[in-house]
C-alpha atoms as a PDB file:
ATOM      1  CA  MET A   1       8.921 -16.472 -13.316  1.00  0.00           C
ATOM      2  CA  ASN A   2      11.067 -19.603 -13.028  1.00  0.00           C
ATOM      3  CA  SER A   3      13.147 -19.565  -9.851  1.00  0.00           C
ATOM      4  CA  LYS A   4      16.275 -20.260 -11.940  1.00  0.00           C
ATOM      5  CA  GLU A   5      15.667 -17.054 -13.887  1.00  0.00           C
ATOM      6  CA  GLN A   6      15.200 -14.884 -10.812  1.00  0.00           C
ATOM      7  CA  LYS A   7      17.799 -12.467  -9.600  1.00  0.00           C
ATOM      8  CA  ARG A   8      19.221 -13.350  -6.245  1.00  0.00           C
ATOM      9  CA  PHE A   9      17.070 -11.621  -3.638  1.00  0.00           C
ATOM     10  CA  SER A  10      19.014  -8.794  -2.006  1.00  0.00           C
ATOM     11  CA  PRO A  11      18.449  -5.443  -0.262  1.00  0.00           C
ATOM     12  CA  ASP A  12      19.492  -3.687  -3.500  1.00  0.00           C
ATOM     13  CA  ILE A  13      17.149  -5.531  -5.845  1.00  0.00           C
ATOM     14  CA  LEU A  14      14.979  -2.424  -6.352  1.00  0.00           C
ATOM     15  CA  ARG A  15      17.842  -0.051  -7.156  1.00  0.00           C
ATOM     16  CA  PHE A  16      17.594   1.449 -10.647  1.00  0.00           C
ATOM     17  CA  GLU A  17      20.612   0.813 -12.832  1.00  0.00           C
ATOM     18  CA  ASP A  18      20.046   4.187 -14.494  1.00  0.00           C
ATOM     19  CA  VAL A  19      17.529   6.573 -12.898  1.00  0.00           C
ATOM     20  CA  GLN A  20      17.775   8.968 -15.830  1.00  0.00           C
ATOM     21  CA  ILE A  21      16.510   6.334 -18.266  1.00  0.00           C
ATOM     22  CA  THR A  22      13.515   5.621 -15.988  1.00  0.00           C
ATOM     23  CA  ILE A  23      12.678   9.317 -15.711  1.00  0.00           C
ATOM     24  CA  SER A  24      13.023   9.895 -19.455  1.00  0.00           C
ATOM     25  CA  SER A  25      10.646   7.008 -20.154  1.00  0.00           C
ATOM     26  CA  ILE A  26       8.014   8.349 -17.729  1.00  0.00           C
ATOM     27  CA  VAL A  27       8.337  11.896 -19.048  1.00  0.00           C
ATOM     28  CA  GLU A  28       7.986  10.800 -22.676  1.00  0.00           C
ATOM     29  CA  LYS A  29       4.856   8.787 -21.872  1.00  0.00           C
ATOM     30  CA  LEU A  30       3.340  11.651 -19.876  1.00  0.00           C
ATOM     31  CA  ARG A  31       3.852  14.004 -22.799  1.00  0.00           C
ATOM     32  CA  SER A  32       2.244  11.535 -25.212  1.00  0.00           C
ATOM     33  CA  ASP A  33      -0.651  10.688 -22.875  1.00  0.00           C
ATOM     34  CA  ILE A  34      -1.608  14.286 -22.161  1.00  0.00           C
ATOM     35  CA  PHE A  35      -1.038  15.894 -25.558  1.00  0.00           C
ATOM     36  CA  THR A  36      -1.961  12.985 -27.847  1.00  0.00           C
ATOM     37  CA  THR A  37      -4.186  10.498 -26.013  1.00  0.00           C
ATOM     38  CA  PHE A  38      -6.187  12.977 -23.910  1.00  0.00           C
ATOM     39  CA  ARG A  39      -5.584  15.983 -26.205  1.00  0.00           C
ATOM     40  CA  ARG A  40      -5.254  18.317 -23.229  1.00  0.00           C
ATOM     41  CA  LYS A  41      -3.245  21.542 -23.079  1.00  0.00           C
ATOM     42  CA  GLY A  42      -1.589  21.049 -19.694  1.00  0.00           C
ATOM     43  CA  ALA A  43      -1.946  19.462 -16.262  1.00  0.00           C
ATOM     44  CA  VAL A  44      -3.257  20.135 -12.768  1.00  0.00           C
ATOM     45  CA  ILE A  45      -1.770  18.400  -9.743  1.00  0.00           C
ATOM     46  CA  GLY A  46      -2.508  18.562  -6.023  1.00  0.00           C
ATOM     47  CA  ILE A  47       0.557  19.090  -3.827  1.00  0.00           C
ATOM     48  CA  SER A  48       0.873  18.631  -0.068  1.00  0.00           C
ATOM     49  CA  GLY A  49       4.578  18.597   0.685  1.00  0.00           C
ATOM     50  CA  GLY A  50       4.644  14.792   0.459  1.00  0.00           C
ATOM     51  CA  ILE A  51       7.205  12.810  -1.503  1.00  0.00           C
ATOM     52  CA  ASP A  52       4.795  11.250  -4.026  1.00  0.00           C
ATOM     53  CA  SER A  53       3.077  14.449  -5.148  1.00  0.00           C
ATOM     54  CA  SER A  54       6.453  16.222  -5.196  1.00  0.00           C
ATOM     55  CA  VAL A  55       8.003  13.676  -7.550  1.00  0.00           C
ATOM     56  CA  CYS A  56       4.889  13.722  -9.767  1.00  0.00           C
ATOM     57  CA  LEU A  57       5.093  17.520  -9.974  1.00  0.00           C
ATOM     58  CA  ALA A  58       8.739  17.379 -11.012  1.00  0.00           C
ATOM     59  CA  LEU A  59       7.959  14.761 -13.665  1.00  0.00           C
ATOM     60  CA  ILE A  60       5.023  16.641 -15.144  1.00  0.00           C
ATOM     61  CA  VAL A  61       7.067  19.859 -15.278  1.00  0.00           C
ATOM     62  CA  LYS A  62       9.805  18.023 -17.188  1.00  0.00           C
ATOM     63  CA  ALA A  63       7.170  16.636 -19.545  1.00  0.00           C
ATOM     64  CA  LEU A  64       5.141  19.776 -20.237  1.00  0.00           C
ATOM     65  CA  GLY A  65       7.110  22.756 -18.954  1.00  0.00           C
ATOM     66  CA  PRO A  66       6.153  24.825 -15.869  1.00  0.00           C
ATOM     67  CA  GLU A  67       3.944  27.177 -17.866  1.00  0.00           C
ATOM     68  CA  ARG A  68       1.519  24.323 -18.595  1.00  0.00           C
ATOM     69  CA  VAL A  69       1.249  23.070 -14.994  1.00  0.00           C
ATOM     70  CA  ILE A  70      -0.917  24.298 -12.124  1.00  0.00           C
ATOM     71  CA  ALA A  71      -0.164  23.136  -8.578  1.00  0.00           C
ATOM     72  CA  LEU A  72      -3.165  23.129  -6.280  1.00  0.00           C
ATOM     73  CA  MET A  73      -2.859  23.245  -2.478  1.00  0.00           C
ATOM     74  CA  MET A  74      -6.053  22.078  -0.765  1.00  0.00           C
ATOM     75  CA  PRO A  75      -5.652  22.283   3.008  1.00  0.00           C
ATOM     76  CA  GLU A  76      -8.423  21.757   5.536  1.00  0.00           C
ATOM     77  CA  LYS A  77      -8.554  22.262   9.274  1.00  0.00           C
ATOM     78  CA  ASP A  78      -6.926  18.903  10.092  1.00  0.00           C
ATOM     79  CA  SER A  79      -4.010  19.408   7.691  1.00  0.00           C
ATOM     80  CA  SER A  80      -0.453  19.393   8.987  1.00  0.00           C
ATOM     81  CA  ASP A  81       0.982  22.867   9.629  1.00  0.00           C
ATOM     82  CA  ASP A  82       4.136  22.278   7.594  1.00  0.00           C
ATOM     83  CA  SER A  83       2.359  20.973   4.477  1.00  0.00           C
ATOM     84  CA  LYS A  84       1.769  24.438   3.032  1.00  0.00           C
ATOM     85  CA  GLU A  85       5.313  25.628   3.654  1.00  0.00           C
ATOM     86  CA  LEU A  86       6.832  22.585   1.971  1.00  0.00           C
ATOM     87  CA  ALA A  87       4.353  22.663  -0.925  1.00  0.00           C
ATOM     88  CA  LEU A  88       5.153  26.321  -1.621  1.00  0.00           C
ATOM     89  CA  LYS A  89       8.882  25.649  -1.530  1.00  0.00           C
ATOM     90  CA  LEU A  90       8.424  22.817  -4.006  1.00  0.00           C
ATOM     91  CA  ALA A  91       6.262  24.858  -6.394  1.00  0.00           C
ATOM     92  CA  ASN A  92       8.643  27.816  -6.297  1.00  0.00           C
ATOM     93  CA  GLN A  93      11.609  25.580  -7.026  1.00  0.00           C
ATOM     94  CA  PHE A  94       9.949  24.167 -10.143  1.00  0.00           C
ATOM     95  CA  GLY A  95       8.455  27.490 -11.235  1.00  0.00           C
ATOM     96  CA  VAL A  96       4.794  26.492 -11.400  1.00  0.00           C
ATOM     97  CA  LYS A  97       1.713  28.560 -10.648  1.00  0.00           C
ATOM     98  CA  VAL A  98       0.241  27.791  -7.223  1.00  0.00           C
ATOM     99  CA  ILE A  99      -3.418  28.114  -6.249  1.00  0.00           C
ATOM    100  CA  GLU A 100      -4.671  27.545  -2.705  1.00  0.00           C
ATOM    101  CA  GLU A 101      -8.206  26.320  -2.081  1.00  0.00           C
ATOM    102  CA  ASN A 102      -9.064  25.714   1.567  1.00  0.00           C
ATOM    103  CA  ILE A 103     -11.732  23.004   1.554  1.00  0.00           C
ATOM    104  CA  SER A 104     -12.712  23.235   5.232  1.00  0.00           C
ATOM    105  CA  ALA A 105     -15.974  25.091   4.580  1.00  0.00           C
ATOM    106  CA  ALA A 106     -17.018  22.591   1.917  1.00  0.00           C
ATOM    107  CA  LEU A 107     -16.288  19.719   4.292  1.00  0.00           C
ATOM    108  CA  GLU A 108     -18.238  21.425   7.066  1.00  0.00           C
ATOM    109  CA  GLY A 109     -21.178  21.862   4.715  1.00  0.00           C
ATOM    110  CA  ILE A 110     -21.231  18.223   3.681  1.00  0.00           C
ATOM    111  CA  GLY A 111     -20.968  17.080   7.304  1.00  0.00           C
ATOM    112  CA  CYS A 112     -17.520  15.487   7.145  1.00  0.00           C
ATOM    113  CA  TYR A 113     -16.365  16.541  10.616  1.00  0.00           C
ATOM    114  CA  ARG A 114     -19.784  16.170  12.262  1.00  0.00           C
ATOM    115  CA  ARG A 115     -20.310  12.627  10.999  1.00  0.00           C
ATOM    116  CA  ARG A 116     -16.772  11.611  11.968  1.00  0.00           C
ATOM    117  CA  ASP A 117     -17.021  13.131  15.463  1.00  0.00           C
ATOM    118  CA  GLU A 118     -20.375  11.455  16.056  1.00  0.00           C
ATOM    119  CA  ALA A 119     -18.683   8.069  15.599  1.00  0.00           C
ATOM    120  CA  VAL A 120     -15.717   9.058  17.775  1.00  0.00           C
ATOM    121  CA  ASN A 121     -18.092  10.105  20.573  1.00  0.00           C
ATOM    122  CA  ALA A 122     -19.682   6.669  20.469  1.00  0.00           C
ATOM    123  CA  ILE A 123     -16.313   5.278  21.618  1.00  0.00           C
ATOM    124  CA  PHE A 124     -15.081   8.210  23.702  1.00  0.00           C
ATOM    125  CA  PRO A 125     -18.052  10.228  25.076  1.00  0.00           C
ATOM    126  CA  GLU A 126     -15.580  12.788  26.481  1.00  0.00           C
ATOM    127  CA  TYR A 127     -14.104  13.519  23.030  1.00  0.00           C
ATOM    128  CA  ASN A 128     -14.331  17.184  22.037  1.00  0.00           C
ATOM    129  CA  PRO A 129     -12.671  18.252  18.749  1.00  0.00           C
ATOM    130  CA  LEU A 130     -11.781  21.597  20.350  1.00  0.00           C
ATOM    131  CA  LEU A 131      -9.908  19.830  23.161  1.00  0.00           C
ATOM    132  CA  HIS A 132      -8.727  16.627  21.501  1.00  0.00           C
ATOM    133  CA  SER A 133      -7.179  15.378  18.288  1.00  0.00           C
ATOM    134  CA  MET A 134      -7.928  11.889  16.952  1.00  0.00           C
ATOM    135  CA  LYS A 135      -6.669   9.185  14.631  1.00  0.00           C
ATOM    136  CA  ILE A 136      -7.336   5.578  13.684  1.00  0.00           C
ATOM    137  CA  GLY A 137      -4.857   2.878  12.751  1.00  0.00           C
ATOM    138  CA  ILE A 138      -4.133  -0.840  12.463  1.00  0.00           C
ATOM    139  CA  ASN A 139      -2.585  -2.913  15.220  1.00  0.00           C
ATOM    140  CA  PRO A 140       0.946  -3.518  13.824  1.00  0.00           C
ATOM    141  CA  GLU A 141       1.261  -6.858  15.621  1.00  0.00           C
ATOM    142  CA  SER A 142      -1.179  -8.584  13.260  1.00  0.00           C
ATOM    143  CA  ILE A 143       1.042  -8.506  10.167  1.00  0.00           C
ATOM    144  CA  GLY A 144       3.629 -10.894  11.541  1.00  0.00           C
ATOM    145  CA  HIS A 145       1.155 -13.362  13.033  1.00  0.00           C
ATOM    146  CA  ASN A 146      -1.199 -14.027  10.100  1.00  0.00           C
ATOM    147  CA  LEU A 147      -4.084 -12.265  11.820  1.00  0.00           C
ATOM    148  CA  PRO A 148      -6.786 -10.043  10.289  1.00  0.00           C
ATOM    149  CA  PRO A 149      -6.199  -6.343  10.983  1.00  0.00           C
ATOM    150  CA  VAL A 150      -7.553  -4.936  14.237  1.00  0.00           C
ATOM    151  CA  PHE A 151      -8.411  -1.253  13.977  1.00  0.00           C
ATOM    152  CA  LEU A 152      -7.738   1.058  16.894  1.00  0.00           C
ATOM    153  CA  ILE A 153      -8.878   4.597  17.643  1.00  0.00           C
ATOM    154  CA  SER A 154      -6.919   7.101  19.728  1.00  0.00           C
ATOM    155  CA  ILE A 155      -7.727  10.539  21.109  1.00  0.00           C
ATOM    156  CA  VAL A 156      -5.047  12.935  22.328  1.00  0.00           C
ATOM    157  CA  ASP A 157      -5.709  15.822  24.715  1.00  0.00           C
ATOM    158  CA  LYS A 158      -3.881  19.175  24.797  1.00  0.00           C
ATOM    159  CA  ALA A 159      -1.415  17.830  27.366  1.00  0.00           C
ATOM    160  CA  GLY A 160      -0.481  14.963  25.057  1.00  0.00           C
ATOM    161  CA  ALA A 161      -2.257  12.224  27.033  1.00  0.00           C
ATOM    162  CA  VAL A 162      -3.398   9.427  24.715  1.00  0.00           C
ATOM    163  CA  LYS A 163      -6.353   7.080  25.107  1.00  0.00           C
ATOM    164  CA  THR A 164      -6.635   4.120  22.724  1.00  0.00           C
ATOM    165  CA  ARG A 165      -9.440   1.602  22.287  1.00  0.00           C
ATOM    166  CA  ARG A 166     -10.447  -1.048  19.817  1.00  0.00           C
ATOM    167  CA  LEU A 167     -12.611   0.406  17.040  1.00  0.00           C
ATOM    168  CA  PRO A 168     -15.866  -1.497  16.386  1.00  0.00           C
ATOM    169  CA  PRO A 169     -16.850  -2.089  12.722  1.00  0.00           C
ATOM    170  CA  LYS A 170     -19.843   0.297  12.733  1.00  0.00           C
ATOM    171  CA  GLU A 171     -17.862   3.283  14.015  1.00  0.00           C
ATOM    172  CA  TYR A 172     -14.853   2.380  11.869  1.00  0.00           C
ATOM    173  CA  LEU A 173     -16.954   2.440   8.709  1.00  0.00           C
ATOM    174  CA  GLN A 174     -18.581   5.756   9.630  1.00  0.00           C
ATOM    175  CA  ILE A 175     -15.256   7.437  10.424  1.00  0.00           C
ATOM    176  CA  VAL A 176     -13.683   6.218   7.175  1.00  0.00           C
ATOM    177  CA  ALA A 177     -16.720   7.134   5.078  1.00  0.00           C
ATOM    178  CA  ALA A 178     -16.816  10.632   6.568  1.00  0.00           C
ATOM    179  CA  SER A 179     -13.063  11.133   6.221  1.00  0.00           C
ATOM    180  CA  ASN A 180     -13.165  10.063   2.582  1.00  0.00           C
ATOM    181  CA  PHE A 181     -15.086  13.257   1.815  1.00  0.00           C
ATOM    182  CA  LYS A 182     -11.674  14.967   2.050  1.00  0.00           C
ATOM    183  CA  GLN A 183     -10.104  13.065  -0.841  1.00  0.00           C
ATOM    184  CA  ARG A 184     -13.258  13.263  -2.929  1.00  0.00           C
ATOM    185  CA  MET A 185     -13.546  17.006  -2.376  1.00  0.00           C
ATOM    186  CA  ARG A 186      -9.933  17.488  -3.427  1.00  0.00           C
ATOM    187  CA  MET A 187     -10.491  15.494  -6.595  1.00  0.00           C
ATOM    188  CA  SER A 188     -13.582  17.579  -7.395  1.00  0.00           C
ATOM    189  CA  MET A 189     -11.498  20.724  -7.005  1.00  0.00           C
ATOM    190  CA  LEU A 190      -8.718  19.354  -9.216  1.00  0.00           C
ATOM    191  CA  TYR A 191     -11.211  18.581 -11.967  1.00  0.00           C
ATOM    192  CA  TYR A 192     -12.747  22.042 -11.687  1.00  0.00           C
ATOM    193  CA  TYR A 193      -9.403  23.646 -12.473  1.00  0.00           C
ATOM    194  CA  ALA A 194      -8.587  21.019 -15.100  1.00  0.00           C
ATOM    195  CA  GLU A 195     -11.873  21.359 -16.960  1.00  0.00           C
ATOM    196  CA  SER A 196     -11.852  25.157 -16.837  1.00  0.00           C
ATOM    197  CA  ARG A 197      -8.465  25.144 -18.639  1.00  0.00           C
ATOM    198  CA  TYR A 198      -8.730  22.009 -20.790  1.00  0.00           C
ATOM    199  CA  TYR A 199      -6.047  20.362 -18.671  1.00  0.00           C
ATOM    200  CA  ALA A 200      -5.554  16.791 -17.421  1.00  0.00           C
ATOM    201  CA  VAL A 201      -5.437  15.730 -13.765  1.00  0.00           C
ATOM    202  CA  VAL A 202      -2.274  14.068 -12.492  1.00  0.00           C
ATOM    203  CA  GLY A 203      -2.761  11.375  -9.832  1.00  0.00           C
ATOM    204  CA  THR A 204      -0.020  10.662  -7.309  1.00  0.00           C
ATOM    205  CA  PRO A 205      -0.514   7.098  -5.908  1.00  0.00           C
ATOM    206  CA  ASN A 206       2.530   4.847  -5.827  1.00  0.00           C
ATOM    207  CA  LYS A 207       2.543   1.069  -6.326  1.00  0.00           C
ATOM    208  CA  HIS A 208       1.738   0.169  -2.704  1.00  0.00           C
ATOM    209  CA  GLU A 209      -1.087   2.659  -2.368  1.00  0.00           C
ATOM    210  CA  HIS A 210      -2.745   1.374  -5.520  1.00  0.00           C
ATOM    211  CA  GLN A 211      -2.202  -2.363  -5.122  1.00  0.00           C
ATOM    212  CA  GLN A 212      -2.845  -2.547  -1.372  1.00  0.00           C
ATOM    213  CA  GLY A 213      -5.853  -0.223  -1.551  1.00  0.00           C
ATOM    214  CA  PHE A 214      -4.543   2.811   0.316  1.00  0.00           C
ATOM    215  CA  PHE A 215      -6.618   5.282  -1.679  1.00  0.00           C
ATOM    216  CA  VAL A 216     -10.187   6.523  -1.943  1.00  0.00           C
ATOM    217  CA  LYS A 217     -12.233   5.393  -4.926  1.00  0.00           C
ATOM    218  CA  TYR A 218     -13.159   8.447  -7.005  1.00  0.00           C
ATOM    219  CA  GLY A 219     -11.029  10.493  -4.604  1.00  0.00           C
ATOM    220  CA  ASP A 220      -7.246  10.352  -4.779  1.00  0.00           C
ATOM    221  CA  GLY A 221      -7.744   7.180  -6.831  1.00  0.00           C
ATOM    222  CA  GLY A 222      -9.323   9.228  -9.624  1.00  0.00           C
ATOM    223  CA  ALA A 223      -7.105  10.930 -12.220  1.00  0.00           C
ATOM    224  CA  ASP A 224      -6.233  10.997 -15.909  1.00  0.00           C
ATOM    225  CA  VAL A 225      -2.592   9.931 -15.579  1.00  0.00           C
ATOM    226  CA  MET A 226      -0.690   8.261 -12.714  1.00  0.00           C
ATOM    227  CA  PRO A 227       3.036   8.521 -13.452  1.00  0.00           C
ATOM    228  CA  ILE A 228       4.405   6.635 -10.414  1.00  0.00           C
ATOM    229  CA  VAL A 229       1.719   3.979  -9.868  1.00  0.00           C
ATOM    230  CA  HIS A 230       4.187   1.289 -11.018  1.00  0.00           C
ATOM    231  CA  LEU A 231       6.965   2.385  -8.636  1.00  0.00           C
ATOM    232  CA  TYR A 232       7.835   1.119  -5.170  1.00  0.00           C
ATOM    233  CA  LYS A 233       8.240   3.789  -2.484  1.00  0.00           C
ATOM    234  CA  THR A 234      12.030   3.425  -2.356  1.00  0.00           C
ATOM    235  CA  GLN A 235      12.098   3.893  -6.126  1.00  0.00           C
ATOM    236  CA  VAL A 236      10.087   7.094  -5.745  1.00  0.00           C
ATOM    237  CA  TYR A 237      12.806   8.312  -3.389  1.00  0.00           C
ATOM    238  CA  GLN A 238      15.470   7.425  -5.946  1.00  0.00           C
ATOM    239  CA  LEU A 239      13.669   9.645  -8.456  1.00  0.00           C
ATOM    240  CA  ALA A 240      13.310  12.392  -5.859  1.00  0.00           C
ATOM    241  CA  GLU A 241      17.065  12.560  -5.271  1.00  0.00           C
ATOM    242  CA  TYR A 242      17.785  12.762  -8.993  1.00  0.00           C
ATOM    243  CA  LEU A 243      15.047  15.335  -9.668  1.00  0.00           C
ATOM    244  CA  GLY A 244      16.267  17.665  -6.916  1.00  0.00           C
ATOM    245  CA  ILE A 245      13.213  17.529  -4.649  1.00  0.00           C
ATOM    246  CA  PRO A 246      13.828  19.726  -1.549  1.00  0.00           C
ATOM    247  CA  GLN A 247      15.663  17.794   1.144  1.00  0.00           C
ATOM    248  CA  GLU A 248      13.042  18.671   3.771  1.00  0.00           C
ATOM    249  CA  ILE A 249      10.455  16.789   1.712  1.00  0.00           C
ATOM    250  CA  ILE A 250      12.745  13.806   1.144  1.00  0.00           C
ATOM    251  CA  GLU A 251      13.448  13.559   4.879  1.00  0.00           C
ATOM    252  CA  ARG A 252       9.818  14.049   5.933  1.00  0.00           C
ATOM    253  CA  THR A 253       8.102  10.965   7.376  1.00  0.00           C
ATOM    254  CA  PRO A 254       5.242   9.881   5.066  1.00  0.00           C
ATOM    255  CA  THR A 255       1.925  10.691   6.764  1.00  0.00           C
ATOM    256  CA  SER A 256      -1.739  10.115   6.014  1.00  0.00           C
ATOM    257  CA  ASP A 257      -2.521  13.801   6.776  1.00  0.00           C
ATOM    258  CA  THR A 258      -6.182  12.840   7.193  1.00  0.00           C
ATOM    259  CA  TYR A 259      -6.840  12.913  10.917  1.00  0.00           C
ATOM    260  CA  SER A 260      -6.187  15.709  13.400  1.00  0.00           C
ATOM    261  CA  ALA A 261      -3.606  13.732  15.421  1.00  0.00           C
ATOM    262  CA  GLU A 262      -0.178  13.128  13.890  1.00  0.00           C
ATOM    263  CA  GLN A 263       0.015   9.773  12.180  1.00  0.00           C
ATOM    264  CA  THR A 264       2.373   7.972   9.811  1.00  0.00           C
ATOM    265  CA  GLN A 265       1.237   5.893   6.837  1.00  0.00           C
ATOM    266  CA  GLU A 266       2.889   2.904   8.483  1.00  0.00           C
ATOM    267  CA  GLU A 267       0.749   3.343  11.605  1.00  0.00           C
ATOM    268  CA  PHE A 268      -2.446   4.049   9.693  1.00  0.00           C
ATOM    269  CA  PHE A 269      -2.339   1.280   7.086  1.00  0.00           C
ATOM    270  CA  PHE A 270       0.873  -0.383   5.934  1.00  0.00           C
ATOM    271  CA  GLN A 271       2.140  -1.773   9.290  1.00  0.00           C
ATOM    272  CA  LEU A 272       5.729  -1.924   7.975  1.00  0.00           C
ATOM    273  CA  PRO A 273       8.441   0.688   7.302  1.00  0.00           C
ATOM    274  CA  PHE A 274       8.398   1.318   3.558  1.00  0.00           C
ATOM    275  CA  ARG A 275      12.019   0.234   3.059  1.00  0.00           C
ATOM    276  CA  GLU A 276      11.131  -3.207   4.417  1.00  0.00           C
ATOM    277  CA  MET A 277       7.685  -3.304   2.833  1.00  0.00           C
ATOM    278  CA  ASP A 278       9.111  -2.687  -0.649  1.00  0.00           C
ATOM    279  CA  LEU A 279      11.361  -5.721  -0.424  1.00  0.00           C
ATOM    280  CA  PHE A 280       8.715  -7.989   1.063  1.00  0.00           C
ATOM    281  CA  TRP A 281       6.241  -6.910  -1.618  1.00  0.00           C
ATOM    282  CA  TYR A 282       8.783  -7.497  -4.376  1.00  0.00           C
ATOM    283  CA  GLY A 283       9.394 -10.963  -3.000  1.00  0.00           C
ATOM    284  CA  TYR A 284       5.659 -11.596  -2.742  1.00  0.00           C
ATOM    285  CA  GLU A 285       4.649 -10.492  -6.229  1.00  0.00           C
ATOM    286  CA  ASN A 286       7.653 -12.113  -7.931  1.00  0.00           C
ATOM    287  CA  GLY A 287       7.254 -15.483  -6.262  1.00  0.00           C
ATOM    288  CA  TYR A 288      10.396 -15.533  -4.130  1.00  0.00           C
ATOM    289  CA  ASN A 289      10.578 -18.350  -1.627  1.00  0.00           C
ATOM    290  CA  PRO A 290       9.775 -17.023   1.874  1.00  0.00           C
ATOM    291  CA  ALA A 291      12.854 -18.806   3.244  1.00  0.00           C
ATOM    292  CA  GLU A 292      15.131 -16.887   0.847  1.00  0.00           C
ATOM    293  CA  VAL A 293      13.494 -13.572   1.696  1.00  0.00           C
ATOM    294  CA  ALA A 294      13.596 -14.328   5.415  1.00  0.00           C
ATOM    295  CA  LYS A 295      17.335 -14.919   5.333  1.00  0.00           C
ATOM    296  CA  VAL A 296      17.993 -11.540   3.710  1.00  0.00           C
ATOM    297  CA  MET A 297      15.472  -9.617   5.816  1.00  0.00           C
ATOM    298  CA  GLY A 298      16.381 -11.058   9.218  1.00  0.00           C
ATOM    299  CA  LYS A 299      12.964 -12.671   9.732  1.00  0.00           C
ATOM    300  CA  THR A 300      11.784 -16.211  10.246  1.00  0.00           C
ATOM    301  CA  GLU A 301      10.227 -18.053   7.321  1.00  0.00           C
ATOM    302  CA  ASN A 302       6.871 -18.100   9.142  1.00  0.00           C
ATOM    303  CA  GLU A 303       6.998 -14.325   9.611  1.00  0.00           C
ATOM    304  CA  VAL A 304       7.541 -13.818   5.889  1.00  0.00           C
ATOM    305  CA  ILE A 305       4.702 -16.214   5.082  1.00  0.00           C
ATOM    306  CA  SER A 306       2.446 -14.170   7.386  1.00  0.00           C
ATOM    307  CA  ILE A 307       3.506 -10.950   5.651  1.00  0.00           C
ATOM    308  CA  TYR A 308       2.779 -12.490   2.241  1.00  0.00           C
ATOM    309  CA  LYS A 309      -0.672 -13.558   3.465  1.00  0.00           C
ATOM    310  CA  ASN A 310      -1.293 -10.041   4.791  1.00  0.00           C
ATOM    311  CA  PHE A 311      -0.515  -8.620   1.335  1.00  0.00           C
ATOM    312  CA  GLU A 312      -2.826 -11.160  -0.278  1.00  0.00           C
ATOM    313  CA  ARG A 313      -5.610 -10.319   2.178  1.00  0.00           C
ATOM    314  CA  LYS A 314      -5.278  -6.579   1.499  1.00  0.00           C
ATOM    315  CA  GLN A 315      -5.379  -7.122  -2.252  1.00  0.00           C
ATOM    316  CA  LYS A 316      -8.516  -9.237  -2.017  1.00  0.00           C
ATOM    317  CA  THR A 317     -10.392  -6.962   0.380  1.00  0.00           C
ATOM    318  CA  THR A 318      -9.582  -3.819  -1.635  1.00  0.00           C
ATOM    319  CA  GLU A 319     -10.134  -5.275  -5.119  1.00  0.00           C
ATOM    320  CA  TYR A 320     -13.426  -3.374  -5.287  1.00  0.00           C
ATOM    321  CA  LEU A 321     -11.485  -0.099  -5.241  1.00  0.00           C
ATOM    322  CA  ARG A 322      -9.583  -1.010  -8.413  1.00  0.00           C
ATOM    323  CA  MET A 323     -12.617  -2.259 -10.338  1.00  0.00           C
ATOM    324  CA  LEU A 324     -14.135  -0.246 -13.168  1.00  0.00           C
ATOM    325  CA  PRO A 325     -17.916   0.190 -13.280  1.00  0.00           C
ATOM    326  CA  ILE A 326     -19.683  -2.914 -14.568  1.00  0.00           C
ATOM    327  CA  LYS A 327     -21.402  -2.078 -17.854  1.00  0.00           C
ATOM    328  CA  ASP A 328     -22.199  -5.430 -19.460  1.00  0.00           C
ATOM    329  CA  TYR A 329     -25.933  -5.700 -18.717  1.00  0.00           C
END
């Protein structure tokens, strides 16, 4: 895009001029994709009380009607306590059938928790999953200083005392690989219900999750349709307000809901609050001069350049996740 043709960069650059038009376009495409392209009778979607899955549920209900939608809750022993309550409230509001499938036993059987805890014990020998919770995350300082991400691991005891150490590559890879069983098990369950009813599976990733690689390949990255994958997080919230998503869900802090200790998506992966990240990403992918973005965002030009480079690094290192299988042999 030529700089002369660009809109002036501003905090409101991602505001929809007409949210209803955006929703109508998504709903019409969903209806066509599911009924015509995939020739399915309805849709299955996993819900967790999060903003993305909530908005996707509302959209698919508008597209197909509640009688053609099944909402699947798939908790496991590390899931947040309020996820079920919020998911039920959402499903009841939109009148869809809810099915609960606790996947803890399946994860136990495949060794998810055992393999993860083995790696945690290599860092913290005193770690006991009955006495501690755990989480991993990225050092937030790296994003503004053009540094590769440094992963940290924390354990929290019953009294709330936290111990944090740097996470070596070997243990990091084992913890992530074991934890990814959760998303892949959920996707397997979604496809069971979809295939048994001739339904399609609705995926819930937003633009950042897909383009920065915050998803599991053939886990939550696997679906038949992804209605909000082109939307920034703040745009998802704009849709949520219009669609009447419960206020408790709108006000809930986005979490990874993967590890036993409480953890936000910002802490786990993105390193920036989503309201800031949306604007930086828009500037990055639309070629805005870092100096112009810095002036609006209250940052230095060098800080914005570092943030742009962080985005570029994440895209490159997670490109594998977005690749289709190679078939040209």
